[in-house]
PDB file of N, CA and C in Angstrom:
ATOM      1  N   MET A   1       0.933  -1.200  -0.105  1.00  0.00           N
ATOM      2  CA  MET A   1       0.033  -0.037  -0.210  1.00  0.00           C
ATOM      3  C   MET A   1       1.041   1.414   0.114  1.00  0.00           C
ATOM      4  N   ARG A   2       0.461   2.256  -0.666  1.00  0.00           N
ATOM      5  CA  ARG A   2       1.581   3.394  -1.028  1.00  0.00           C
ATOM      6  C   ARG A   2       0.539   4.430  -0.686  1.00  0.00           C
ATOM      7  N   ILE A   3       1.228   5.687  -0.355  1.00  0.00           N
ATOM      8  CA  ILE A   3       0.532   6.887   0.166  1.00  0.00           C
ATOM      9  C   ILE A   3       0.556   7.901  -1.114  1.00  0.00           C
ATOM     10  N   PRO A   4      -0.640   8.211  -1.459  1.00  0.00           N
ATOM     11  CA  PRO A   4      -0.700   8.987  -2.760  1.00  0.00           C
ATOM     12  C   PRO A   4       0.188  10.431  -2.636  1.00  0.00           C
ATOM     13  N   ASN A   5       0.651  10.852  -3.652  1.00  0.00           N
ATOM     14  CA  ASN A   5       1.196  12.186  -3.647  1.00  0.00           C
ATOM     15  C   ASN A   5       2.449  12.304  -2.791  1.00  0.00           C
ATOM     16  N   LEU A   6       3.026  11.240  -2.611  1.00  0.00           N
ATOM     17  CA  LEU A   6       4.200  11.183  -1.554  1.00  0.00           C
ATOM     18  C   LEU A   6       5.419  11.365  -2.595  1.00  0.00           C
ATOM     19  N   LYS A   7       6.239  12.329  -2.319  1.00  0.00           N
ATOM     20  CA  LYS A   7       7.258  12.781  -3.072  1.00  0.00           C
ATOM     21  C   LYS A   7       8.367  12.820  -2.177  1.00  0.00           C
ATOM     22  N   ARG A   8       9.963  12.281  -2.638  1.00  0.00           N
ATOM     23  CA  ARG A   8      11.107  12.343  -1.976  1.00  0.00           C
ATOM     24  C   ARG A   8      12.118  13.447  -2.578  1.00  0.00           C
ATOM     25  N   TYR A   9      12.603  13.993  -1.626  1.00  0.00           N
ATOM     26  CA  TYR A   9      13.491  15.130  -1.583  1.00  0.00           C
ATOM     27  C   TYR A   9      14.696  15.090  -1.220  1.00  0.00           C
ATOM     28  N   ARG A  10      15.724  15.394  -1.712  1.00  0.00           N
ATOM     29  CA  ARG A  10      17.243  15.184  -0.905  1.00  0.00           C
ATOM     30  C   ARG A  10      17.407  16.582  -0.323  1.00  0.00           C
ATOM     31  N   ILE A  11      18.050  16.549   0.930  1.00  0.00           N
ATOM     32  CA  ILE A  11      18.346  17.992   1.685  1.00  0.00           C
ATOM     33  C   ILE A  11      19.706  17.612   2.257  1.00  0.00           C
ATOM     34  N   GLN A  12      20.359  18.911   2.058  1.00  0.00           N
ATOM     35  CA  GLN A  12      21.857  18.730   2.451  1.00  0.00           C
ATOM     36  C   GLN A  12      22.182  19.542   3.473  1.00  0.00           C
ATOM     37  N   SER A  13      23.140  19.171   4.166  1.00  0.00           N
ATOM     38  CA  SER A  13      23.305  19.750   5.556  1.00  0.00           C
ATOM     39  C   SER A  13      24.222  21.180   5.400  1.00  0.00           C
ATOM     40  N   PRO A  14      23.637  21.898   6.409  1.00  0.00           N
ATOM     41  CA  PRO A  14      24.565  23.429   6.059  1.00  0.00           C
ATOM     42  C   PRO A  14      25.741  23.564   5.810  1.00  0.00           C
ATOM     43  N   ASP A  15      26.685  22.643   6.366  1.00  0.00           N
ATOM     44  CA  ASP A  15      28.264  22.633   5.868  1.00  0.00           C
ATOM     45  C   ASP A  15      28.015  21.889   4.546  1.00  0.00           C
ATOM     46  N   GLY A  16      27.217  21.393   3.821  1.00  0.00           N
ATOM     47  CA  GLY A  16      27.553  20.828   2.622  1.00  0.00           C
ATOM     48  C   GLY A  16      28.114  19.160   2.663  1.00  0.00           C
ATOM     49  N   LYS A  17      28.388  18.674   3.476  1.00  0.00           N
ATOM     50  CA  LYS A  17      28.940  17.575   3.663  1.00  0.00           C
ATOM     51  C   LYS A  17      28.278  16.188   3.619  1.00  0.00           C
ATOM     52  N   HIS A  18      26.945  16.344   4.130  1.00  0.00           N
ATOM     53  CA  HIS A  18      26.124  15.086   4.223  1.00  0.00           C
ATOM     54  C   HIS A  18      24.777  15.508   3.669  1.00  0.00           C
ATOM     55  N   THR A  19      24.052  14.455   2.826  1.00  0.00           N
ATOM     56  CA  THR A  19      22.558  14.523   2.553  1.00  0.00           C
ATOM     57  C   THR A  19      22.025  13.488   3.147  1.00  0.00           C
ATOM     58  N   ALA A  20      20.466  13.881   3.014  1.00  0.00           N
ATOM     59  CA  ALA A  20      19.507  12.900   3.403  1.00  0.00           C
ATOM     60  C   ALA A  20      18.178  12.964   2.617  1.00  0.00           C
ATOM     61  N   THR A  21      17.586  12.028   2.955  1.00  0.00           N
ATOM     62  CA  THR A  21      16.261  11.811   1.967  1.00  0.00           C
ATOM     63  C   THR A  21      15.270  12.298   2.831  1.00  0.00           C
ATOM     64  N   LEU A  22      14.126  13.005   2.451  1.00  0.00           N
ATOM     65  CA  LEU A  22      12.903  13.425   2.992  1.00  0.00           C
ATOM     66  C   LEU A  22      11.806  13.245   2.374  1.00  0.00           C
ATOM     67  N   ALA A  23      10.784  12.357   2.791  1.00  0.00           N
ATOM     68  CA  ALA A  23       9.694  12.074   2.200  1.00  0.00           C
ATOM     69  C   ALA A  23       8.390  13.143   2.528  1.00  0.00           C
ATOM     70  N   ALA A  24       7.611  13.560   1.670  1.00  0.00           N
ATOM     71  CA  ALA A  24       6.743  14.211   2.347  1.00  0.00           C
ATOM     72  C   ALA A  24       5.543  14.513   1.495  1.00  0.00           C
ATOM     73  N   VAL A  25       4.370  14.815   1.853  1.00  0.00           N
ATOM     74  CA  VAL A  25       3.333  15.168   1.046  1.00  0.00           C
ATOM     75  C   VAL A  25       2.931  16.715   1.261  1.00  0.00           C
ATOM     76  N   LEU A  26       3.314  17.397   0.214  1.00  0.00           N
ATOM     77  CA  LEU A  26       2.808  18.953   0.477  1.00  0.00           C
ATOM     78  C   LEU A  26       1.735  19.134  -0.226  1.00  0.00           C
ATOM     79  N   PRO A  27       0.906  20.336   0.477  1.00  0.00           N
ATOM     80  CA  PRO A  27      -0.094  20.711  -0.201  1.00  0.00           C
ATOM     81  C   PRO A  27       0.009  21.619  -1.425  1.00  0.00           C
ATOM     82  N   LYS A  28      -0.788  21.675  -2.285  1.00  0.00           N
ATOM     83  CA  LYS A  28      -0.574  22.751  -3.500  1.00  0.00           C
ATOM     84  C   LYS A  28      -0.184  23.983  -3.121  1.00  0.00           C
ATOM     85  N   GLY A  29       0.727  24.504  -3.826  1.00  0.00           N
ATOM     86  CA  GLY A  29       0.730  25.815  -3.643  1.00  0.00           C
ATOM     87  C   GLY A  29       2.036  26.116  -2.281  1.00  0.00           C
ATOM     88  N   THR A  30       2.469  25.277  -2.322  1.00  0.00           N
ATOM     89  CA  THR A  30       3.579  25.427  -0.989  1.00  0.00           C
ATOM     90  C   THR A  30       4.714  25.577  -1.818  1.00  0.00           C
ATOM     91  N   ASP A  31       5.509  26.362  -0.931  1.00  0.00           N
ATOM     92  CA  ASP A  31       7.254  26.707  -1.687  1.00  0.00           C
ATOM     93  C   ASP A  31       8.157  25.982  -1.290  1.00  0.00           C
ATOM     94  N   VAL A  32       8.303  24.813  -2.358  1.00  0.00           N
ATOM     95  CA  VAL A  32       9.094  23.634  -1.729  1.00  0.00           C
ATOM     96  C   VAL A  32      10.636  24.092  -1.435  1.00  0.00           C
ATOM     97  N   GLY A  33      10.960  24.914  -2.292  1.00  0.00           N
ATOM     98  CA  GLY A  33      12.471  25.312  -1.709  1.00  0.00           C
ATOM     99  C   GLY A  33      12.413  26.020  -0.275  1.00  0.00           C
ATOM    100  N   ALA A  34      11.628  26.671   0.122  1.00  0.00           N
ATOM    101  CA  ALA A  34      11.482  27.423   1.563  1.00  0.00           C
ATOM    102  C   ALA A  34      11.152  26.266   2.397  1.00  0.00           C
ATOM    103  N   TYR A  35      10.602  25.347   2.207  1.00  0.00           N
ATOM    104  CA  TYR A  35      10.038  23.897   2.947  1.00  0.00           C
ATOM    105  C   TYR A  35      11.375  23.521   3.064  1.00  0.00           C
ATOM    106  N   LEU A  36      11.961  22.815   2.254  1.00  0.00           N
ATOM    107  CA  LEU A  36      13.484  22.254   2.385  1.00  0.00           C
ATOM    108  C   LEU A  36      14.538  22.731   3.042  1.00  0.00           C
ATOM    109  N   ALA A  37      14.712  24.265   2.583  1.00  0.00           N
ATOM    110  CA  ALA A  37      15.522  25.156   3.461  1.00  0.00           C
ATOM    111  C   ALA A  37      15.271  24.979   4.909  1.00  0.00           C
ATOM    112  N   GLU A  38      13.984  25.015   5.262  1.00  0.00           N
ATOM    113  CA  GLU A  38      13.684  24.871   6.858  1.00  0.00           C
ATOM    114  C   GLU A  38      13.880  23.410   7.626  1.00  0.00           C
ATOM    115  N   ALA A  39      13.495  22.562   6.505  1.00  0.00           N
ATOM    116  CA  ALA A  39      13.630  21.069   6.961  1.00  0.00           C
ATOM    117  C   ALA A  39      15.052  20.806   7.088  1.00  0.00           C
ATOM    118  N   SER A  40      15.892  21.513   6.123  1.00  0.00           N
ATOM    119  CA  SER A  40      17.385  20.970   6.470  1.00  0.00           C
ATOM    120  C   SER A  40      17.924  21.860   7.771  1.00  0.00           C
ATOM    121  N   LYS A  41      17.243  22.864   8.307  1.00  0.00           N
ATOM    122  CA  LYS A  41      18.094  23.625   9.493  1.00  0.00           C
ATOM    123  C   LYS A  41      17.241  22.967  10.663  1.00  0.00           C
ATOM    124  N   ARG A  42      16.126  22.122  10.637  1.00  0.00           N
ATOM    125  CA  ARG A  42      15.364  21.607  11.565  1.00  0.00           C
ATOM    126  C   ARG A  42      16.131  19.970  11.898  1.00  0.00           C
ATOM    127  N   HIS A  43      16.677  19.531  10.988  1.00  0.00           N
ATOM    128  CA  HIS A  43      17.311  18.126  10.876  1.00  0.00           C
ATOM    129  C   HIS A  43      18.348  17.943  11.992  1.00  0.00           C
ATOM    130  N   ASP A  44      18.239  16.894  12.623  1.00  0.00           N
ATOM    131  CA  ASP A  44      19.509  16.796  13.496  1.00  0.00           C
ATOM    132  C   ASP A  44      20.406  15.991  13.016  1.00  0.00           C
ATOM    133  N   TRP A  45      21.442  16.749  12.216  1.00  0.00           N
ATOM    134  CA  TRP A  45      22.604  16.283  11.352  1.00  0.00           C
ATOM    135  C   TRP A  45      23.661  15.433  12.316  1.00  0.00           C
ATOM    136  N   ALA A  46      23.825  15.931  13.475  1.00  0.00           N
ATOM    137  CA  ALA A  46      24.503  15.332  14.211  1.00  0.00           C
ATOM    138  C   ALA A  46      24.070  13.804  14.502  1.00  0.00           C
ATOM    139  N   ALA A  47      22.923  13.618  14.804  1.00  0.00           N
ATOM    140  CA  ALA A  47      22.440  12.084  15.060  1.00  0.00           C
ATOM    141  C   ALA A  47      22.306  11.519  13.678  1.00  0.00           C
ATOM    142  N   HIS A  48      22.126  12.096  12.722  1.00  0.00           N
ATOM    143  CA  HIS A  48      22.398  11.467  11.284  1.00  0.00           C
ATOM    144  C   HIS A  48      23.567  11.010  10.913  1.00  0.00           C
ATOM    145  N   GLU A  49      24.544  11.775  11.338  1.00  0.00           N
ATOM    146  CA  GLU A  49      25.788  11.537  11.130  1.00  0.00           C
ATOM    147  C   GLU A  49      26.461  10.402  11.857  1.00  0.00           C
ATOM    148  N   GLU A  50      25.965  10.056  13.337  1.00  0.00           N
ATOM    149  CA  GLU A  50      26.363   9.062  14.101  1.00  0.00           C
ATOM    150  C   GLU A  50      25.550   7.692  13.498  1.00  0.00           C
ATOM    151  N   ALA A  51      24.540   7.803  13.090  1.00  0.00           N
ATOM    152  CA  ALA A  51      23.709   6.643  12.664  1.00  0.00           C
ATOM    153  C   ALA A  51      24.307   6.010  11.327  1.00  0.00           C
ATOM    154  N   GLN A  52      25.161   6.988  10.559  1.00  0.00           N
ATOM    155  CA  GLN A  52      25.958   6.727   9.622  1.00  0.00           C
ATOM    156  C   GLN A  52      26.853   5.953   9.722  1.00  0.00           C
ATOM    157  N   LYS A  53      27.426   5.992  10.889  1.00  0.00           N
ATOM    158  CA  LYS A  53      28.563   5.507  11.307  1.00  0.00           C
ATOM    159  C   LYS A  53      28.278   4.077  12.005  1.00  0.00           C
ATOM    160  N   LEU A  54      27.214   3.798  12.399  1.00  0.00           N
ATOM    161  CA  LEU A  54      26.969   2.812  13.095  1.00  0.00           C
ATOM    162  C   LEU A  54      26.333   1.630  12.378  1.00  0.00           C
ATOM    163  N   HIS A  55      25.838   2.037  10.838  1.00  0.00           N
ATOM    164  CA  HIS A  55      25.182   1.521   9.884  1.00  0.00           C
ATOM    165  C   HIS A  55      26.286   0.689   9.461  1.00  0.00           C
ATOM    166  N   THR A  56      26.510  -0.702   9.209  1.00  0.00           N
ATOM    167  CA  THR A  56      27.174  -1.559   8.365  1.00  0.00           C
ATOM    168  C   THR A  56      26.587  -2.262   7.177  1.00  0.00           C
ATOM    169  N   LYS A  57      26.781  -1.948   6.147  1.00  0.00           N
ATOM    170  CA  LYS A  57      26.397  -2.955   4.957  1.00  0.00           C
ATOM    171  C   LYS A  57      26.775  -4.279   4.914  1.00  0.00           C
ATOM    172  N   VAL A  58      25.397  -5.070   4.758  1.00  0.00           N
ATOM    173  CA  VAL A  58      25.645  -6.499   4.609  1.00  0.00           C
ATOM    174  C   VAL A  58      25.319  -6.889   2.925  1.00  0.00           C
ATOM    175  N   ARG A  59      26.496  -7.427   2.448  1.00  0.00           N
ATOM    176  CA  ARG A  59      26.123  -8.012   0.960  1.00  0.00           C
ATOM    177  C   ARG A  59      25.346  -8.897   0.811  1.00  0.00           C
ATOM    178  N   VAL A  60      24.406  -8.821   0.274  1.00  0.00           N
ATOM    179  CA  VAL A  60      23.302  -9.772  -0.077  1.00  0.00           C
ATOM    180  C   VAL A  60      23.830 -10.136  -1.615  1.00  0.00           C
ATOM    181  N   GLY A  61      23.423 -11.603  -2.024  1.00  0.00           N
ATOM    182  CA  GLY A  61      23.617 -11.923  -3.554  1.00  0.00           C
ATOM    183  C   GLY A  61      24.467 -12.601  -3.737  1.00  0.00           C
ATOM    184  N   GLN A  62      25.296 -12.586  -4.960  1.00  0.00           N
ATOM    185  CA  GLN A  62      26.194 -13.732  -5.219  1.00  0.00           C
ATOM    186  C   GLN A  62      27.674 -13.294  -4.803  1.00  0.00           C
ATOM    187  N   GLN A  63      28.214 -14.205  -4.227  1.00  0.00           N
ATOM    188  CA  GLN A  63      29.301 -13.890  -3.562  1.00  0.00           C
ATOM    189  C   GLN A  63      30.880 -14.089  -4.336  1.00  0.00           C
ATOM    190  N   LYS A  64      31.425 -13.593  -4.054  1.00  0.00           N
ATOM    191  CA  LYS A  64      32.968 -13.923  -5.080  1.00  0.00           C
ATOM    192  C   LYS A  64      33.473 -15.300  -4.585  1.00  0.00           C
ATOM    193  N   GLN A  65      33.519 -16.272  -5.688  1.00  0.00           N
ATOM    194  CA  GLN A  65      33.894 -17.667  -5.537  1.00  0.00           C
ATOM    195  C   GLN A  65      35.402 -17.736  -5.490  1.00  0.00           C
ATOM    196  N   ARG A  66      35.665 -18.549  -4.439  1.00  0.00           N
ATOM    197  CA  ARG A  66      36.887 -18.972  -4.164  1.00  0.00           C
ATOM    198  C   ARG A  66      37.566 -20.033  -4.984  1.00  0.00           C
ATOM    199  N   LYS A  67      38.739 -19.676  -5.513  1.00  0.00           N
ATOM    200  CA  LYS A  67      39.452 -20.950  -6.544  1.00  0.00           C
ATOM    201  C   LYS A  67      39.720 -22.096  -5.476  1.00  0.00           C
ATOM    202  N   ARG A  68      39.623 -23.282  -5.957  1.00  0.00           N
ATOM    203  CA  ARG A  68      39.939 -24.562  -5.377  1.00  0.00           C
ATOM    204  C   ARG A  68      41.079 -25.090  -6.016  1.00  0.00           C
TER     205      ARG A  68
END
Protein backbone atom coordinates (compact mmCIF):
# COMPACT_ATOMS: atom_id res chain seq x y z
CA MET A 1 0.00 0.00 0.00
CA ARG A 2 1.42 3.36 -0.96
CA ILE A 3 0.72 6.89 0.08
CA PRO A 4 -0.63 8.98 -2.81
CA ASN A 5 1.25 12.19 -3.69
CA LEU A 6 4.30 11.21 -1.60
CA LYS A 7 7.48 12.74 -2.98
CA ARG A 8 11.07 12.23 -1.94
CA TYR A 9 13.45 15.16 -1.65
CA ARG A 10 17.19 15.28 -1.00
CA ILE A 11 18.27 17.77 1.66
CA GLN A 12 21.84 18.81 2.31
CA SER A 13 23.43 19.74 5.61
CA PRO A 14 24.36 23.41 6.13
CA ASP A 15 28.07 22.56 5.86
CA GLY A 16 27.41 20.63 2.62
CA LYS A 17 29.06 17.41 3.79
CA HIS A 18 26.00 15.21 4.25
CA THR A 19 22.74 14.54 2.45
CA ALA A 20 19.53 12.92 3.62
CA THR A 21 16.29 11.87 1.97
CA LEU A 22 13.06 13.47 3.11
CA ALA A 23 9.67 12.02 2.18
CA ALA A 24 6.76 14.46 2.37
CA VAL A 25 3.29 15.17 1.08
CA LEU A 26 3.07 18.90 0.48
CA PRO A 27 -0.16 20.80 -0.18
CA LYS A 28 -0.64 22.56 -3.51
CA GLY A 29 0.88 26.01 -3.69
CA THR A 30 3.57 25.34 -1.08
CA ASP A 31 6.99 26.86 -1.70
CA VAL A 32 9.06 23.69 -1.91
CA GLY A 33 12.41 25.48 -1.73
CA ALA A 34 11.51 27.30 1.46
CA TYR A 35 10.13 24.10 3.00
CA LEU A 36 13.31 22.15 2.21
CA ALA A 37 15.56 24.94 3.54
CA GLU A 38 13.62 25.00 6.81
CA ALA A 39 13.61 21.19 7.05
CA SER A 40 17.37 21.14 6.51
CA LYS A 41 17.82 23.56 9.42
CA ARG A 42 15.56 21.50 11.72
CA HIS A 43 17.15 18.14 10.87
CA ASP A 44 19.41 16.64 13.56
CA TRP A 45 22.56 16.26 11.45
CA ALA A 46 24.71 15.08 14.39
CA ALA A 47 22.39 12.14 15.05
CA HIS A 48 22.18 11.42 11.32
CA GLU A 49 25.98 11.29 11.03
CA GLU A 50 26.21 9.01 14.08
CA ALA A 51 23.60 6.65 12.64
CA GLN A 52 25.52 6.50 9.36
CA LYS A 53 28.70 5.53 11.23
CA LEU A 54 26.93 2.73 13.11
CA HIS A 55 25.28 1.35 9.99
CA THR A 56 27.13 -1.57 8.45
CA LYS A 57 26.25 -2.82 5.01
CA VAL A 58 25.56 -6.50 4.55
CA ARG A 59 26.27 -7.82 1.12
CA VAL A 60 23.43 -9.89 -0.25
CA GLY A 61 23.54 -11.89 -3.45
CA GLN A 62 26.27 -13.56 -5.40
CA GLN A 63 29.50 -13.81 -3.46
CA LYS A 64 32.96 -13.92 -4.95
CA GLN A 65 33.88 -17.56 -5.45
CA ARG A 66 37.12 -19.00 -4.14
CA LYS A 67 39.43 -20.90 -6.46
CA ARG A 68 39.94 -24.49 -5.38
